[in-house]
C-alpha atoms as a PDB file:
ATOM      1  CA  MET A   1      -0.951  76.356 -63.916  1.00  0.00           C
ATOM      2  CA  LYS A   2       0.219  73.949 -66.461  1.00  0.00           C
ATOM      3  CA  ALA A   3      -1.292  75.725 -69.183  1.00  0.00           C
ATOM      4  CA  ARG A   4       1.018  79.091 -68.239  1.00  0.00           C
ATOM      5  CA  TRP A   5       4.226  76.871 -67.989  1.00  0.00           C
ATOM      6  CA  GLY A   6       3.838  75.420 -71.428  1.00  0.00           C
ATOM      7  CA  ARG A   7       3.058  79.056 -72.833  1.00  0.00           C
ATOM      8  CA  ARG A   8       6.368  80.118 -71.049  1.00  0.00           C
ATOM      9  CA  VAL A   9       8.481  77.407 -72.491  1.00  0.00           C
ATOM     10  CA  ALA A  10       7.289  77.707 -75.841  1.00  0.00           C
ATOM     11  CA  LEU A  11       8.209  81.462 -75.636  1.00  0.00           C
ATOM     12  CA  ALA A  12      11.603  80.872 -74.364  1.00  0.00           C
ATOM     13  CA  CYS A  13      12.378  78.395 -77.207  1.00  0.00           C
ATOM     14  CA  SER A  14      11.013  80.387 -79.965  1.00  0.00           C
ATOM     15  CA  THR A  15      13.229  83.747 -78.957  1.00  0.00           C
ATOM     16  CA  LEU A  16      16.538  82.354 -78.717  1.00  0.00           C
ATOM     17  CA  LEU A  17      19.752  84.709 -78.270  1.00  0.00           C
ATOM     18  CA  LEU A  18      23.150  83.621 -77.507  1.00  0.00           C
ATOM     19  CA  GLY A  19      26.368  85.668 -76.832  1.00  0.00           C
ATOM     20  CA  ALA A  20      28.906  84.648 -79.659  1.00  0.00           C
ATOM     21  CA  CYS A  21      32.093  82.959 -79.007  1.00  0.00           C
ATOM     22  CA  GLY A  22      35.158  83.624 -80.713  1.00  0.00           C
ATOM     23  CA  ASN A  23      37.133  81.176 -82.701  1.00  0.00           C
ATOM     24  CA  GLY A  24      39.551  79.093 -80.936  1.00  0.00           C
ATOM     25  CA  GLY A  25      37.723  79.258 -77.328  1.00  0.00           C
ATOM     26  CA  SER A  26      38.345  82.927 -76.821  1.00  0.00           C
ATOM     27  CA  THR A  27      35.966  85.783 -77.327  1.00  0.00           C
ATOM     28  CA  THR A  28      35.868  89.460 -78.539  1.00  0.00           C
ATOM     29  CA  PRO A  29      35.554  92.162 -76.118  1.00  0.00           C
ATOM     30  CA  SER A  30      31.852  92.664 -76.668  1.00  0.00           C
ATOM     31  CA  ASP A  31      31.158  88.931 -76.228  1.00  0.00           C
ATOM     32  CA  ALA A  32      32.770  88.684 -72.908  1.00  0.00           C
ATOM     33  CA  GLY A  33      29.652  89.948 -70.705  1.00  0.00           C
ATOM     34  CA  ALA A  34      30.343  91.538 -67.319  1.00  0.00           C
ATOM     35  CA  ARG A  35      33.945  92.424 -68.159  1.00  0.00           C
ATOM     36  CA  LEU A  36      35.601  88.981 -67.658  1.00  0.00           C
ATOM     37  CA  ASP A  37      38.890  88.170 -69.198  1.00  0.00           C
ATOM     38  CA  ALA A  38      38.177  84.478 -69.696  1.00  0.00           C
ATOM     39  CA  PRO A  39      37.750  81.704 -72.792  1.00  0.00           C
ATOM     40  CA  ALA A  40      34.451  81.205 -73.913  1.00  0.00           C
ATOM     41  CA  CYS A  41      32.942  77.710 -74.437  1.00  0.00           C
ATOM     42  CA  SER A  42      32.119  76.361 -78.087  1.00  0.00           C
ATOM     43  CA  GLU A  43      28.456  76.769 -76.974  1.00  0.00           C
ATOM     44  CA  ALA A  44      27.592  80.073 -75.168  1.00  0.00           C
ATOM     45  CA  VAL A  45      25.524  78.200 -72.733  1.00  0.00           C
ATOM     46  CA  SER A  46      24.584  74.590 -72.265  1.00  0.00           C
ATOM     47  CA  LEU A  47      21.764  73.046 -74.254  1.00  0.00           C
ATOM     48  CA  LYS A  48      19.838  72.359 -70.953  1.00  0.00           C
ATOM     49  CA  TRP A  49      18.408  75.984 -71.062  1.00  0.00           C
ATOM     50  CA  ASN A  50      15.895  77.851 -73.236  1.00  0.00           C
ATOM     51  CA  ARG A  51      17.108  81.232 -73.921  1.00  0.00           C
ATOM     52  CA  LEU A  52      14.832  84.534 -73.835  1.00  0.00           C
ATOM     53  CA  ALA A  53      16.239  87.947 -74.510  1.00  0.00           C
ATOM     54  CA  LEU A  54      14.082  90.815 -75.135  1.00  0.00           C
ATOM     55  CA  VAL A  55      16.784  93.408 -75.452  1.00  0.00           C
ATOM     56  CA  ASP A  56      19.382  94.238 -78.194  1.00  0.00           C
ATOM     57  CA  PRO A  57      22.142  93.434 -77.431  1.00  0.00           C
ATOM     58  CA  GLY A  58      21.587  91.236 -74.625  1.00  0.00           C
ATOM     59  CA  LEU A  59      24.676  88.587 -74.273  1.00  0.00           C
ATOM     60  CA  VAL A  60      24.346  85.155 -72.576  1.00  0.00           C
ATOM     61  CA  VAL A  61      27.721  83.793 -72.191  1.00  0.00           C
ATOM     62  CA  THR A  62      29.331  80.731 -70.420  1.00  0.00           C
ATOM     63  CA  THR A  63      32.934  81.264 -69.533  1.00  0.00           C
ATOM     64  CA  SER A  64      35.420  78.761 -68.082  1.00  0.00           C
ATOM     65  CA  ASP A  65      36.744  81.421 -65.694  1.00  0.00           C
ATOM     66  CA  SER A  66      37.328  79.820 -62.335  1.00  0.00           C
ATOM     67  CA  GLY A  67      35.801  76.648 -63.275  1.00  0.00           C
ATOM     68  CA  GLY A  68      32.642  77.788 -64.838  1.00  0.00           C
ATOM     69  CA  ALA A  69      30.448  80.881 -65.059  1.00  0.00           C
ATOM     70  CA  LEU A  70      27.145  82.094 -66.779  1.00  0.00           C
ATOM     71  CA  THR A  71      27.294  85.814 -67.338  1.00  0.00           C
ATOM     72  CA  LEU A  72      24.034  87.684 -68.138  1.00  0.00           C
ATOM     73  CA  THR A  73      24.442  91.074 -69.458  1.00  0.00           C
ATOM     74  CA  ALA A  74      21.875  93.917 -70.634  1.00  0.00           C
ATOM     75  CA  SER A  75      22.656  97.255 -72.202  1.00  0.00           C
ATOM     76  CA  HIS A  76      19.382  98.340 -70.708  1.00  0.00           C
ATOM     77  CA  LEU A  77      16.229  97.630 -69.076  1.00  0.00           C
ATOM     78  CA  PRO A  78      13.041  98.364 -70.363  1.00  0.00           C
ATOM     79  CA  GLN A  79      10.477 100.007 -68.627  1.00  0.00           C
ATOM     80  CA  PRO A  80       8.199  97.036 -67.174  1.00  0.00           C
ATOM     81  CA  ILE A  81       4.497  96.715 -67.721  1.00  0.00           C
ATOM     82  CA  CYS A  82       3.876  95.435 -64.343  1.00  0.00           C
ATOM     83  CA  GLN A  83       5.548  94.484 -60.756  1.00  0.00           C
ATOM     84  CA  ALA A  84       5.635  91.643 -58.227  1.00  0.00           C
ATOM     85  CA  PRO A  85       3.806  90.509 -56.565  1.00  0.00           C
ATOM     86  CA  ASP A  86       1.479  90.645 -59.708  1.00  0.00           C
ATOM     87  CA  PRO A  87       1.883  87.301 -60.911  1.00  0.00           C
ATOM     88  CA  VAL A  88       4.926  86.581 -63.601  1.00  0.00           C
ATOM     89  CA  CYS A  89       5.686  90.490 -62.973  1.00  0.00           C
ATOM     90  CA  PRO A  90       8.203  91.930 -63.729  1.00  0.00           C
ATOM     91  CA  PRO A  91       8.757  90.385 -66.998  1.00  0.00           C
ATOM     92  CA  ALA A  92      12.034  89.113 -67.792  1.00  0.00           C
ATOM     93  CA  VAL A  93      14.382  91.407 -69.901  1.00  0.00           C
ATOM     94  CA  ILE A  94      16.701  88.492 -70.418  1.00  0.00           C
ATOM     95  CA  GLU A  95      15.934  84.886 -68.818  1.00  0.00           C
ATOM     96  CA  LEU A  96      17.009  81.194 -69.166  1.00  0.00           C
ATOM     97  CA  THR A  97      14.620  78.430 -68.193  1.00  0.00           C
ATOM     98  CA  GLN A  98      14.522  74.927 -67.665  1.00  0.00           C
ATOM     99  CA  GLY A  99      10.888  73.221 -67.196  1.00  0.00           C
ATOM    100  CA  GLY A 100       9.776  69.793 -66.295  1.00  0.00           C
ATOM    101  CA  LEU A 101       8.443  67.522 -63.669  1.00  0.00           C
ATOM    102  CA  VAL A 102       9.651  68.207 -59.814  1.00  0.00           C
ATOM    103  CA  ASP A 103       8.958  65.684 -57.004  1.00  0.00           C
ATOM    104  CA  ASP A 104       7.115  66.494 -53.919  1.00  0.00           C
ATOM    105  CA  ASP A 105      10.344  67.164 -52.231  1.00  0.00           C
ATOM    106  CA  PHE A 106      13.246  69.120 -54.179  1.00  0.00           C
ATOM    107  CA  ASP A 107      16.087  71.518 -53.193  1.00  0.00           C
ATOM    108  CA  ALA A 108      17.094  74.067 -55.769  1.00  0.00           C
ATOM    109  CA  THR A 109      20.299  76.948 -55.346  1.00  0.00           C
ATOM    110  CA  ALA A 110      21.585  79.228 -57.620  1.00  0.00           C
ATOM    111  CA  THR A 111      24.819  80.592 -56.577  1.00  0.00           C
ATOM    112  CA  PHE A 112      25.743  84.148 -57.888  1.00  0.00           C
ATOM    113  CA  ASP A 113      28.378  86.739 -57.962  1.00  0.00           C
ATOM    114  CA  HIS A 114      29.591  90.072 -59.833  1.00  0.00           C
ATOM    115  CA  PHE A 115      26.229  91.810 -59.480  1.00  0.00           C
ATOM    116  CA  LEU A 116      26.671  95.001 -61.438  1.00  0.00           C
ATOM    117  CA  ALA A 117      23.748  97.311 -61.456  1.00  0.00           C
ATOM    118  CA  GLY A 118      22.940  99.754 -64.090  1.00  0.00           C
ATOM    119  CA  GLY A 119      20.693 102.024 -61.922  1.00  0.00           C
ATOM    120  CA  PRO A 120      17.706 101.860 -59.205  1.00  0.00           C
ATOM    121  CA  GLY A 121      15.614  98.883 -59.788  1.00  0.00           C
ATOM    122  CA  SER A 122      18.336  96.896 -61.740  1.00  0.00           C
ATOM    123  CA  ALA A 123      17.674  93.195 -60.615  1.00  0.00           C
ATOM    124  CA  ALA A 124      18.595  89.746 -61.000  1.00  0.00           C
ATOM    125  CA  GLY A 125      16.894  86.590 -59.918  1.00  0.00           C
ATOM    126  CA  PHE A 126      16.105  83.093 -59.423  1.00  0.00           C
ATOM    127  CA  ARG A 127      12.400  82.361 -60.103  1.00  0.00           C
ATOM    128  CA  MET A 128      10.099  78.821 -59.887  1.00  0.00           C
ATOM    129  CA  ASP A 129       6.802  78.354 -60.736  1.00  0.00           C
ATOM    130  CA  LEU A 130       5.256  75.757 -58.559  1.00  0.00           C
ATOM    131  CA  SER A 131       1.952  74.028 -58.606  1.00  0.00           C
ATOM    132  CA  THR A 132       0.307  76.496 -56.592  1.00  0.00           C
ATOM    133  CA  SER A 133       2.539  79.652 -56.547  1.00  0.00           C
ATOM    134  CA  LEU A 134       5.242  81.596 -58.275  1.00  0.00           C
ATOM    135  CA  VAL A 135       8.192  82.202 -56.230  1.00  0.00           C
ATOM    136  CA  ASP A 136      10.739  84.995 -56.736  1.00  0.00           C
ATOM    137  CA  LEU A 137      14.036  86.081 -55.452  1.00  0.00           C
ATOM    138  CA  PHE A 138      16.061  89.024 -56.416  1.00  0.00           C
ATOM    139  CA  ILE A 139      19.127  91.052 -55.761  1.00  0.00           C
ATOM    140  CA  ARG A 140      17.811  94.711 -56.529  1.00  0.00           C
ATOM    141  CA  GLN A 141      19.740  98.027 -56.663  1.00  0.00           C
ATOM    142  CA  GLY A 142      18.384 100.590 -54.393  1.00  0.00           C
ATOM    143  CA  ASP A 143      20.203 103.044 -52.222  1.00  0.00           C
ATOM    144  CA  THR A 144      22.338  99.908 -51.732  1.00  0.00           C
ATOM    145  CA  PRO A 145      21.867  96.274 -53.172  1.00  0.00           C
ATOM    146  CA  THR A 146      18.772  94.627 -51.674  1.00  0.00           C
ATOM    147  CA  LEU A 147      17.648  91.095 -51.338  1.00  0.00           C
ATOM    148  CA  GLU A 148      13.923  90.408 -51.877  1.00  0.00           C
ATOM    149  CA  ILE A 149      11.576  87.347 -51.929  1.00  0.00           C
ATOM    150  CA  PHE A 150       7.985  87.489 -53.218  1.00  0.00           C
ATOM    151  CA  VAL A 151       5.593  84.713 -52.574  1.00  0.00           C
ATOM    152  CA  PRO A 152       2.043  85.098 -53.458  1.00  0.00           C
ATOM    153  CA  ASN A 153      -0.272  86.346 -50.561  1.00  0.00           C
ATOM    154  CA  MET A 154       2.689  86.770 -48.246  1.00  0.00           C
ATOM    155  CA  PRO A 155       4.384  89.792 -47.013  1.00  0.00           C
ATOM    156  CA  VAL A 156       7.373  90.959 -48.956  1.00  0.00           C
ATOM    157  CA  VAL A 157      10.594  89.787 -47.365  1.00  0.00           C
ATOM    158  CA  SER A 158      13.550  92.343 -47.908  1.00  0.00           C
ATOM    159  CA  MET A 159      17.083  93.439 -46.732  1.00  0.00           C
ATOM    160  CA  PRO A 160      19.714  95.944 -47.769  1.00  0.00           C
ATOM    161  CA  VAL A 161      23.064  94.390 -48.343  1.00  0.00           C
ATOM    162  CA  THR A 162      26.723  95.146 -49.067  1.00  0.00           C
ATOM    163  CA  ALA A 163      27.973  92.180 -50.906  1.00  0.00           C
ATOM    164  CA  THR A 164      26.821  91.427 -54.292  1.00  0.00           C
ATOM    165  CA  SER A 165      27.628  87.687 -54.471  1.00  0.00           C
ATOM    166  CA  GLY A 166      25.296  85.063 -52.709  1.00  0.00           C
ATOM    167  CA  VAL A 167      23.031  82.276 -52.915  1.00  0.00           C
ATOM    168  CA  PHE A 168      19.272  81.831 -54.171  1.00  0.00           C
ATOM    169  CA  ARG A 169      17.683  78.815 -52.605  1.00  0.00           C
ATOM    170  CA  ILE A 170      13.982  77.336 -53.072  1.00  0.00           C
ATOM    171  CA  ALA A 171      13.421  73.836 -51.220  1.00  0.00           C
ATOM    172  CA  ARG A 172       9.994  71.868 -50.270  1.00  0.00           C
ATOM    173  CA  GLN A 173      10.374  69.268 -47.974  1.00  0.00           C
ATOM    174  CA  SER A 174       6.973  67.342 -46.719  1.00  0.00           C
ATOM    175  CA  GLY A 175       4.838  70.055 -48.076  1.00  0.00           C
ATOM    176  CA  VAL A 176       6.957  73.080 -46.538  1.00  0.00           C
ATOM    177  CA  VAL A 177       8.679  75.396 -48.858  1.00  0.00           C
ATOM    178  CA  THR A 178      11.634  77.164 -47.659  1.00  0.00           C
ATOM    179  CA  VAL A 179      12.787  80.207 -49.662  1.00  0.00           C
ATOM    180  CA  THR A 180      15.926  81.843 -48.747  1.00  0.00           C
ATOM    181  CA  ALA A 181      18.417  84.381 -50.211  1.00  0.00           C
ATOM    182  CA  SER A 182      21.593  85.417 -48.960  1.00  0.00           C
ATOM    183  CA  ALA A 183      24.606  87.848 -49.797  1.00  0.00           C
ATOM    184  CA  GLY A 184      27.733  87.903 -47.786  1.00  0.00           C
ATOM    185  CA  ASP A 185      26.736  87.555 -43.998  1.00  0.00           C
ATOM    186  CA  ALA A 186      23.354  88.757 -44.700  1.00  0.00           C
ATOM    187  CA  SER A 187      20.364  86.214 -45.043  1.00  0.00           C
ATOM    188  CA  ILE A 188      16.593  86.282 -45.310  1.00  0.00           C
ATOM    189  CA  GLU A 189      13.961  83.725 -45.400  1.00  0.00           C
ATOM    190  CA  THR A 190      10.373  82.631 -45.580  1.00  0.00           C
ATOM    191  CA  THR A 191       8.106  79.639 -45.405  1.00  0.00           C
ATOM    192  CA  PHE A 192       4.746  78.635 -46.605  1.00  0.00           C
ATOM    193  CA  THR A 193       2.762  75.153 -47.123  1.00  0.00           C
ATOM    194  CA  THR A 194       1.793  73.476 -50.333  1.00  0.00           C
ATOM    195  CA  PRO A 195      -0.239  70.351 -50.621  1.00  0.00           C
ATOM    196  CA  GLY A 196       1.863  67.379 -52.014  1.00  0.00           C
ATOM    197  CA  SER A 197       0.403  66.280 -55.197  1.00  0.00           C
ATOM    198  CA  GLY A 198       3.114  63.989 -56.775  1.00  0.00           C
ATOM    199  CA  GLN A 199       5.188  65.153 -59.521  1.00  0.00           C
ATOM    200  CA  THR A 200       4.143  68.249 -60.945  1.00  0.00           C
ATOM    201  CA  ASN A 201       5.207  70.711 -63.741  1.00  0.00           C
ATOM    202  CA  SER A 202       7.463  73.369 -62.837  1.00  0.00           C
ATOM    203  CA  LEU A 203       9.836  76.256 -64.335  1.00  0.00           C
ATOM    204  CA  ALA A 204      13.103  77.068 -63.237  1.00  0.00           C
ATOM    205  CA  ARG A 205      14.356  80.707 -64.394  1.00  0.00           C
ATOM    206  CA  LEU A 206      17.454  82.636 -63.776  1.00  0.00           C
ATOM    207  CA  GLY A 207      17.553  86.207 -65.396  1.00  0.00           C
ATOM    208  CA  LEU A 208      17.785  90.013 -65.559  1.00  0.00           C
ATOM    209  CA  TYR A 209      14.692  92.088 -64.500  1.00  0.00           C
ATOM    210  CA  ASN A 210      13.672  95.631 -63.969  1.00  0.00           C
ATOM    211  CA  ARG A 211      12.009  96.278 -60.480  1.00  0.00           C
ATOM    212  CA  SER A 212      11.522 100.044 -61.165  1.00  0.00           C
ATOM    213  CA  ASP A 213       8.944 101.800 -62.731  1.00  0.00           C
ATOM    214  CA  ALA A 214      11.125 103.217 -65.283  1.00  0.00           C
ATOM    215  CA  ALA A 215      13.748 101.994 -67.731  1.00  0.00           C
ATOM    216  CA  VAL A 216      17.317 101.703 -66.753  1.00  0.00           C
ATOM    217  CA  ASN A 217      19.569 102.745 -69.522  1.00  0.00           C
ATOM    218  CA  VAL A 218      23.035 101.713 -68.126  1.00  0.00           C
ATOM    219  CA  GLU A 219      24.439  97.982 -68.441  1.00  0.00           C
ATOM    220  CA  THR A 220      23.314  95.576 -65.825  1.00  0.00           C
ATOM    221  CA  SER A 221      24.965  92.014 -65.330  1.00  0.00           C
ATOM    222  CA  ILE A 222      25.190  89.122 -63.089  1.00  0.00           C
ATOM    223  CA  ARG A 223      27.372  85.773 -63.008  1.00  0.00           C
ATOM    224  CA  PHE A 224      25.697  82.590 -62.084  1.00  0.00           C
ATOM    225  CA  THR A 225      28.434  80.233 -60.973  1.00  0.00           C
ATOM    226  CA  ASP A 226      26.303  77.125 -60.108  1.00  0.00           C
ATOM    227  CA  PHE A 227      22.867  75.945 -60.533  1.00  0.00           C
ATOM    228  CA  THR A 228      22.088  72.608 -58.373  1.00  0.00           C
ATOM    229  CA  PHE A 229      18.802  71.001 -58.529  1.00  0.00           C
ATOM    230  CA  ASN A 230      18.019  67.727 -56.442  1.00  0.00           C
ATOM    231  CA  GLY A 231      14.423  66.178 -56.683  1.00  0.00           C
ATOM    232  CA  SER A 232      13.885  66.403 -60.718  1.00  0.00           C
ATOM    233  CA  ALA A 233      14.775  63.884 -63.727  1.00  0.00           C
ATOM    234  CA  GLN A 234      14.148  66.793 -66.066  1.00  0.00           C
ATOM    235  CA  ILE A 235      15.453  69.969 -64.298  1.00  0.00           C
ATOM    236  CA  ALA A 236      19.358  69.440 -64.587  1.00  0.00           C
ATOM    237  CA  SER A 237      22.150  70.780 -62.238  1.00  0.00           C
ATOM    238  CA  ASP A 238      24.723  72.971 -63.993  1.00  0.00           C
ATOM    239  CA  THR A 239      28.219  74.191 -63.170  1.00  0.00           C
ATOM    240  CA  PHE A 240      28.470  76.460 -66.167  1.00  0.00           C
ATOM    241  CA  ASP A 241      31.697  74.907 -67.274  1.00  0.00           C
ATOM    242  CA  CYS A 242      32.817  74.180 -70.927  1.00  0.00           C
ATOM    243  CA  ASN A 243      32.175  70.494 -70.600  1.00  0.00           C
ATOM    244  CA  ASN A 244      28.888  70.608 -68.640  1.00  0.00           C
END
């Protein structure tokens, strides 16, 4: 597990792509991500995060809209080579990562809104590599938006929803991992146990993905408005504002 974590960090660090910011704290229309009318930060995204983008153009933009927002935009989603629940599948189209040691007990949440799907299979998510498993939470476009949770060796948990704003959460307390995805008033959850082993390496990831078996050739985007991580001195919380 540690070797896989190291390879993914190296890949993310060596393949950086930032959304460009305009002069004087403004953006050009092509830099504005998911059609946001908001000034950009001097840095496109906090240096807490490593950036990986596999499409051109693939935009990663932080704006000062309503106190802070991270916008991920992909012009298209290439056909994936594999799908969950296979490990590390589907591959990221755009992904931001933070890696480091996490405590036995931790609580991580990613708050999102404005999920705009390009077509069936368009997805955005929060993923974590834990010491014994890879946990995936997605909002995916099907006939309607759908929440999904993938945990190895457990049934997939999913629910159609109408809202495109919500929260992804992964928390571990006394060896019990609770995984929750919500959108509007709808929520799904699953739990499993993992042995405590002191601090372990982990990777937290926010990104855009293709959850279909075909390419999606229309723009997909999402905004993350907050990322909170309690239980690690190395994976940092981020409000995505211009001073963060």
